[in-house]
Amino acid sequence: MNALKEEHINKVSLIAFTKNDIGNAFWNSIGWTKREDLNYYDFTLNEANITAFNQ
C-alpha cells in the first residue's frame, strides 16, 4: 500500500469471493470497505476452460 501511495495512486480495489470467509475477514480487518454500490458481471466464452474456485 505504501508503494502505491508513493506512486500517487489514490484508490485501489480488489475482488474476493463472497464465500471466502477468511479472505473477507482479512480485508475487512485491515480497513478495506465492502462496496454496495456496484454489481460485477462475467460472460463465459469458453466453459471448458473455467476453474471453479467458489463452490
N, C-alpha and C. Protein backbone atom coordinates (compact mmCIF):
# COMPACT_ATOMS: atom_id res chain seq x y z
N MET A 1 0.82 -1.17 0.00
CA MET A 1 0.00 0.00 0.00
C MET A 1 0.87 1.25 0.00
N ASN A 2 1.97 1.19 0.73
CA ASN A 2 2.86 2.36 0.76
C ASN A 2 3.45 2.63 -0.61
N ALA A 3 3.80 1.57 -1.35
CA ALA A 3 4.35 1.75 -2.70
C ALA A 3 3.31 2.39 -3.62
N LEU A 4 2.06 2.00 -3.48
CA LEU A 4 1.00 2.61 -4.29
C LEU A 4 0.84 4.08 -3.95
N LYS A 5 0.89 4.40 -2.67
CA LYS A 5 0.79 5.80 -2.25
C LYS A 5 1.94 6.61 -2.81
N GLU A 6 3.13 6.03 -2.82
CA GLU A 6 4.30 6.72 -3.36
C GLU A 6 4.14 7.01 -4.85
N GLU A 7 3.37 6.19 -5.54
CA GLU A 7 3.10 6.39 -6.97
C GLU A 7 1.90 7.31 -7.20
N HIS A 8 1.39 7.89 -6.12
CA HIS A 8 0.25 8.82 -6.16
C HIS A 8 -1.04 8.15 -6.64
N ILE A 9 -1.17 6.86 -6.35
CA ILE A 9 -2.41 6.14 -6.64
C ILE A 9 -3.35 6.40 -5.47
N ASN A 10 -4.54 6.89 -5.79
CA ASN A 10 -5.47 7.35 -4.76
C ASN A 10 -6.44 6.29 -4.25
N LYS A 11 -6.70 5.26 -5.06
CA LYS A 11 -7.69 4.27 -4.66
C LYS A 11 -7.39 2.96 -5.36
N VAL A 12 -7.55 1.86 -4.64
CA VAL A 12 -7.39 0.53 -5.23
C VAL A 12 -8.61 -0.31 -4.88
N SER A 13 -8.85 -1.32 -5.70
CA SER A 13 -9.98 -2.22 -5.48
C SER A 13 -9.51 -3.66 -5.60
N LEU A 14 -10.26 -4.56 -5.02
CA LEU A 14 -9.99 -5.99 -5.18
C LEU A 14 -11.31 -6.73 -5.23
N ILE A 15 -11.22 -7.97 -5.68
CA ILE A 15 -12.39 -8.84 -5.75
C ILE A 15 -12.13 -10.04 -4.86
N ALA A 16 -13.07 -10.37 -3.99
CA ALA A 16 -12.99 -11.56 -3.15
C ALA A 16 -14.32 -12.31 -3.28
N PHE A 17 -14.24 -13.62 -3.40
CA PHE A 17 -15.46 -14.41 -3.48
C PHE A 17 -16.27 -14.25 -2.19
N THR A 18 -17.58 -14.19 -2.31
CA THR A 18 -18.44 -13.99 -1.14
C THR A 18 -18.31 -15.13 -0.13
N LYS A 19 -18.03 -16.33 -0.58
CA LYS A 19 -17.89 -17.48 0.33
C LYS A 19 -16.48 -17.61 0.91
N ASN A 20 -15.59 -16.68 0.59
CA ASN A 20 -14.23 -16.70 1.11
C ASN A 20 -14.21 -15.98 2.46
N ASP A 21 -14.71 -16.66 3.49
CA ASP A 21 -14.86 -16.03 4.79
C ASP A 21 -13.53 -15.55 5.36
N ILE A 22 -12.48 -16.35 5.21
CA ILE A 22 -11.17 -15.97 5.75
C ILE A 22 -10.63 -14.75 5.03
N GLY A 23 -10.70 -14.76 3.70
CA GLY A 23 -10.22 -13.62 2.92
C GLY A 23 -11.00 -12.36 3.21
N ASN A 24 -12.32 -12.47 3.24
CA ASN A 24 -13.15 -11.30 3.50
C ASN A 24 -12.90 -10.75 4.90
N ALA A 25 -12.73 -11.62 5.88
CA ALA A 25 -12.42 -11.17 7.23
C ALA A 25 -11.08 -10.45 7.27
N PHE A 26 -10.10 -10.97 6.52
CA PHE A 26 -8.78 -10.33 6.47
C PHE A 26 -8.87 -8.93 5.90
N TRP A 27 -9.48 -8.78 4.72
CA TRP A 27 -9.54 -7.46 4.08
C TRP A 27 -10.29 -6.48 4.98
N ASN A 28 -11.36 -6.94 5.59
CA ASN A 28 -12.12 -6.08 6.50
C ASN A 28 -11.26 -5.68 7.70
N SER A 29 -10.47 -6.61 8.23
CA SER A 29 -9.68 -6.34 9.43
C SER A 29 -8.57 -5.32 9.19
N ILE A 30 -8.12 -5.18 7.94
CA ILE A 30 -7.06 -4.20 7.67
C ILE A 30 -7.61 -2.90 7.07
N GLY A 31 -8.94 -2.74 7.16
CA GLY A 31 -9.52 -1.45 6.83
C GLY A 31 -10.15 -1.30 5.47
N TRP A 32 -10.18 -2.37 4.68
CA TRP A 32 -10.85 -2.27 3.38
C TRP A 32 -12.36 -2.24 3.61
N THR A 33 -13.08 -1.55 2.75
CA THR A 33 -14.52 -1.38 2.87
C THR A 33 -15.24 -2.14 1.76
N LYS A 34 -16.23 -2.93 2.15
CA LYS A 34 -17.05 -3.65 1.16
C LYS A 34 -17.94 -2.65 0.44
N ARG A 35 -17.91 -2.69 -0.88
CA ARG A 35 -18.73 -1.77 -1.67
C ARG A 35 -20.12 -2.37 -1.89
N GLU A 36 -21.11 -1.52 -1.81
CA GLU A 36 -22.50 -1.92 -2.04
C GLU A 36 -23.08 -1.19 -3.24
N ASP A 37 -22.25 -0.42 -3.95
CA ASP A 37 -22.75 0.47 -4.99
C ASP A 37 -22.54 -0.03 -6.40
N LEU A 38 -22.08 -1.29 -6.56
CA LEU A 38 -21.90 -1.78 -7.92
C LEU A 38 -22.16 -3.27 -8.00
N ASN A 39 -22.38 -3.73 -9.19
CA ASN A 39 -22.52 -5.16 -9.49
C ASN A 39 -21.38 -5.55 -10.40
N TYR A 40 -20.88 -6.75 -10.24
CA TYR A 40 -19.77 -7.27 -11.03
C TYR A 40 -20.32 -8.39 -11.91
N TYR A 41 -20.09 -8.34 -13.21
CA TYR A 41 -20.64 -9.30 -14.14
C TYR A 41 -19.54 -10.04 -14.90
N ASP A 42 -19.81 -11.29 -15.25
CA ASP A 42 -18.93 -12.11 -16.08
C ASP A 42 -19.71 -12.61 -17.29
N PHE A 43 -18.98 -12.90 -18.33
CA PHE A 43 -19.55 -13.56 -19.50
C PHE A 43 -18.57 -14.65 -19.91
N THR A 44 -18.99 -15.92 -19.84
CA THR A 44 -18.11 -17.04 -20.12
C THR A 44 -18.03 -17.30 -21.62
N LEU A 45 -16.82 -17.27 -22.14
CA LEU A 45 -16.60 -17.53 -23.56
C LEU A 45 -16.18 -18.97 -23.81
N ASN A 46 -15.56 -19.62 -22.83
CA ASN A 46 -15.09 -20.99 -23.01
C ASN A 46 -15.33 -21.77 -21.73
N GLU A 47 -16.49 -22.38 -21.62
CA GLU A 47 -16.89 -23.12 -20.43
C GLU A 47 -15.91 -24.24 -20.06
N ALA A 48 -15.28 -24.85 -21.06
CA ALA A 48 -14.36 -25.97 -20.82
C ALA A 48 -13.06 -25.49 -20.15
N ASN A 49 -12.80 -24.23 -20.17
CA ASN A 49 -11.54 -23.71 -19.63
C ASN A 49 -11.74 -22.88 -18.37
N ILE A 50 -12.80 -23.19 -17.59
CA ILE A 50 -13.11 -22.46 -16.39
C ILE A 50 -12.73 -23.30 -15.18
N THR A 51 -12.01 -22.69 -14.26
CA THR A 51 -11.71 -23.33 -12.97
C THR A 51 -12.62 -22.72 -11.93
N ALA A 52 -13.38 -23.56 -11.24
CA ALA A 52 -14.34 -23.07 -10.24
C ALA A 52 -13.67 -23.03 -8.88
N PHE A 53 -13.53 -21.84 -8.33
CA PHE A 53 -12.95 -21.67 -7.02
C PHE A 53 -14.02 -21.42 -5.95
N ASN A 54 -15.22 -21.13 -6.38
CA ASN A 54 -16.27 -20.69 -5.47
C ASN A 54 -17.37 -21.73 -5.37
N GLN A 55 -17.01 -22.93 -4.96
CA GLN A 55 -18.02 -23.99 -4.84
C GLN A 55 -18.12 -24.51 -3.45
